[in-house]
C-alpha atoms as a PDB file:
ATOM      1  CA  MET A   1      86.815 112.516 115.271  1.00  0.00           C
ATOM      2  CA  ASN A   2      87.453 111.137 118.726  1.00  0.00           C
ATOM      3  CA  ARG A   3      91.857 109.635 118.317  1.00  0.00           C
ATOM      4  CA  ASP A   4      91.695 108.508 121.874  1.00  0.00           C
ATOM      5  CA  ILE A   5      89.224 105.558 120.868  1.00  0.00           C
ATOM      6  CA  ASP A   6      91.324 102.116 121.976  1.00  0.00           C
ATOM      7  CA  ALA A   7      89.495  99.400 119.364  1.00  0.00           C
ATOM      8  CA  LEU A   8      90.137  97.364 116.458  1.00  0.00           C
ATOM      9  CA  VAL A   9      88.124  95.481 114.057  1.00  0.00           C
ATOM     10  CA  VAL A  10      90.170  92.080 112.798  1.00  0.00           C
ATOM     11  CA  LEU A  11      89.854  90.462 109.810  1.00  0.00           C
ATOM     12  CA  VAL A  12      90.565  86.575 109.661  1.00  0.00           C
ATOM     13  CA  THR A  13      89.367  84.036 106.822  1.00  0.00           C
ATOM     14  CA  ALA A  14      88.554  80.597 107.670  1.00  0.00           C
ATOM     15  CA  ARG A  15      88.209  77.765 105.137  1.00  0.00           C
ATOM     16  CA  SER A  16      84.779  76.840 106.392  1.00  0.00           C
ATOM     17  CA  LYS A  17      81.988  77.972 108.406  1.00  0.00           C
ATOM     18  CA  GLU A  18      82.884  75.479 111.335  1.00  0.00           C
ATOM     19  CA  GLU A  19      86.121  76.425 111.131  1.00  0.00           C
ATOM     20  CA  ALA A  20      85.357  80.152 111.696  1.00  0.00           C
ATOM     21  CA  GLU A  21      82.511  79.395 114.680  1.00  0.00           C
ATOM     22  CA  ARG A  22      85.531  77.438 116.185  1.00  0.00           C
ATOM     23  CA  ILE A  23      87.666  80.534 116.199  1.00  0.00           C
ATOM     24  CA  ALA A  24      85.332  83.057 117.041  1.00  0.00           C
ATOM     25  CA  ASP A  25      83.806  80.378 120.010  1.00  0.00           C
ATOM     26  CA  HIS A  26      86.960  80.207 121.461  1.00  0.00           C
ATOM     27  CA  LEU A  27      88.044  84.826 121.057  1.00  0.00           C
ATOM     28  CA  VAL A  28      85.186  85.364 122.303  1.00  0.00           C
ATOM     29  CA  GLU A  29      84.944  82.468 125.325  1.00  0.00           C
ATOM     30  CA  SER A  30      88.580  83.418 126.216  1.00  0.00           C
ATOM     31  CA  ARG A  31      88.148  87.215 126.167  1.00  0.00           C
ATOM     32  CA  LEU A  32      90.118  88.319 123.341  1.00  0.00           C
ATOM     33  CA  ALA A  33      87.329  89.351 121.438  1.00  0.00           C
ATOM     34  CA  ALA A  34      83.815  91.577 122.484  1.00  0.00           C
ATOM     35  CA  CYS A  35      82.474  90.014 119.226  1.00  0.00           C
ATOM     36  CA  VAL A  36      82.619  87.964 115.792  1.00  0.00           C
ATOM     37  CA  ASN A  37      80.806  88.299 113.161  1.00  0.00           C
ATOM     38  CA  ILE A  38      80.965  86.130 110.380  1.00  0.00           C
ATOM     39  CA  LEU A  39      80.299  86.569 106.850  1.00  0.00           C
ATOM     40  CA  ALA A  40      79.661  82.935 104.685  1.00  0.00           C
ATOM     41  CA  PRO A  41      80.429  82.355 102.155  1.00  0.00           C
ATOM     42  CA  VAL A  42      82.411  85.096 100.874  1.00  0.00           C
ATOM     43  CA  THR A  43      84.553  84.505  97.707  1.00  0.00           C
ATOM     44  CA  SER A  44      88.700  85.291  97.911  1.00  0.00           C
ATOM     45  CA  VAL A  45      90.865  85.670  94.966  1.00  0.00           C
ATOM     46  CA  PHE A  46      94.038  85.707  95.899  1.00  0.00           C
ATOM     47  CA  ARG A  47      97.671  84.374  94.713  1.00  0.00           C
ATOM     48  CA  TRP A  48      99.060  81.379  96.169  1.00  0.00           C
ATOM     49  CA  GLU A  49     102.355  79.502  95.512  1.00  0.00           C
ATOM     50  CA  GLY A  50     102.419  81.406  92.317  1.00  0.00           C
ATOM     51  CA  ARG A  51      99.265  81.026  90.632  1.00  0.00           C
ATOM     52  CA  VAL A  52      95.673  82.713  90.713  1.00  0.00           C
ATOM     53  CA  CYS A  53      93.144  80.652  93.099  1.00  0.00           C
ATOM     54  CA  THR A  54      89.071  81.606  94.091  1.00  0.00           C
ATOM     55  CA  GLU A  55      88.149  79.797  96.705  1.00  0.00           C
ATOM     56  CA  SER A  56      85.092  80.500  99.271  1.00  0.00           C
ATOM     57  CA  GLU A  57      85.580  81.158 102.313  1.00  0.00           C
ATOM     58  CA  SER A  58      84.224  82.319 105.876  1.00  0.00           C
ATOM     59  CA  LEU A  59      84.996  86.062 106.958  1.00  0.00           C
ATOM     60  CA  LEU A  60      85.468  86.642 110.592  1.00  0.00           C
ATOM     61  CA  VAL A  61      84.830  90.411 111.773  1.00  0.00           C
ATOM     62  CA  ILE A  62      86.351  90.615 115.334  1.00  0.00           C
ATOM     63  CA  LYS A  63      86.327  93.379 117.165  1.00  0.00           C
ATOM     64  CA  THR A  64      88.951  93.565 120.398  1.00  0.00           C
ATOM     65  CA  ARG A  65      91.024  96.092 122.163  1.00  0.00           C
ATOM     66  CA  PRO A  66      95.083  97.006 120.474  1.00  0.00           C
ATOM     67  CA  ALA A  67      96.600  95.456 123.668  1.00  0.00           C
ATOM     68  CA  LEU A  68      94.815  92.248 122.456  1.00  0.00           C
ATOM     69  CA  PHE A  69      95.902  91.674 119.222  1.00  0.00           C
ATOM     70  CA  GLY A  70      99.230  89.617 119.776  1.00  0.00           C
ATOM     71  CA  PRO A  71      97.190  87.125 122.068  1.00  0.00           C
ATOM     72  CA  LEU A  72      94.625  87.297 119.345  1.00  0.00           C
ATOM     73  CA  SER A  73      97.167  86.698 116.566  1.00  0.00           C
ATOM     74  CA  ASP A  74      98.131  83.900 117.780  1.00  0.00           C
ATOM     75  CA  ALA A  75      95.083  82.087 119.447  1.00  0.00           C
ATOM     76  CA  VAL A  76      93.567  82.327 115.840  1.00  0.00           C
ATOM     77  CA  ARG A  77      96.728  81.012 114.490  1.00  0.00           C
ATOM     78  CA  ALA A  78      96.689  78.472 117.028  1.00  0.00           C
ATOM     79  CA  ARG A  79      93.271  77.094 115.567  1.00  0.00           C
ATOM     80  CA  HIS A  80      93.710  77.488 111.649  1.00  0.00           C
ATOM     81  CA  SER A  81      94.300  75.112 109.195  1.00  0.00           C
ATOM     82  CA  TYR A  82      96.198  77.849 107.072  1.00  0.00           C
ATOM     83  CA  THR A  83      99.515  77.755 106.762  1.00  0.00           C
ATOM     84  CA  VAL A  84      99.271  81.632 106.234  1.00  0.00           C
ATOM     85  CA  PRO A  85      96.242  83.037 107.558  1.00  0.00           C
ATOM     86  CA  GLU A  86      95.137  86.310 107.247  1.00  0.00           C
ATOM     87  CA  ILE A  87      94.819  88.499 110.506  1.00  0.00           C
ATOM     88  CA  ILE A  88      94.441  91.838 109.582  1.00  0.00           C
ATOM     89  CA  ALA A  89      94.252  94.695 112.016  1.00  0.00           C
ATOM     90  CA  LEU A  90      92.307  98.306 111.453  1.00  0.00           C
ATOM     91  CA  PRO A  91      92.164 100.574 114.246  1.00  0.00           C
ATOM     92  CA  VAL A  92      88.566 102.371 114.998  1.00  0.00           C
ATOM     93  CA  VAL A  93      89.051 105.824 114.990  1.00  0.00           C
ATOM     94  CA  ASP A  94      85.637 106.461 115.606  1.00  0.00           C
ATOM     95  CA  GLY A  95      82.328 105.180 116.610  1.00  0.00           C
ATOM     96  CA  ALA A  96      79.482 105.215 119.216  1.00  0.00           C
ATOM     97  CA  ALA A  97      80.636 105.599 122.512  1.00  0.00           C
ATOM     98  CA  SER A  98      78.355 103.033 124.336  1.00  0.00           C
ATOM     99  CA  TYR A  99      79.774 100.610 122.079  1.00  0.00           C
ATOM    100  CA  LEU A 100      82.965 100.869 122.268  1.00  0.00           C
ATOM    101  CA  ASP A 101      83.278 101.238 125.882  1.00  0.00           C
ATOM    102  CA  TRP A 102      81.185  97.877 125.353  1.00  0.00           C
ATOM    103  CA  ILE A 103      84.163  96.037 123.618  1.00  0.00           C
ATOM    104  CA  THR A 104      86.451  97.420 126.656  1.00  0.00           C
ATOM    105  CA  ASP A 105      84.365  96.316 129.318  1.00  0.00           C
ATOM    106  CA  SER A 106      83.720  93.076 127.285  1.00  0.00           C
ATOM    107  CA  VAL A 107      87.337  91.612 127.221  1.00  0.00           C
ATOM    108  CA  ILE A 108      90.531  91.026 129.528  1.00  0.00           C
END
């Protein structure tokens, strides 16, 4: 396992595919993300305001560097329709070196 890797996968759910695409376009255009995959629809079951909700959403799978998580998170919140958007970062502990280099080269 390579512990020197400097990459994150960030998960964000969005109300619609259009909202997800708008957020993804901004993140890649501004070089906060190297790539964003959009999975739609996904079914989310969650607790909100004391009740269990089931909604159809779109899931963004965002590849970036840890140093960009703060600005990326701010950019998502500024463009997101939810009061409390899901923005969860997962560290990449290993991967194809060429792909991880591409992430680093693709962001600011």
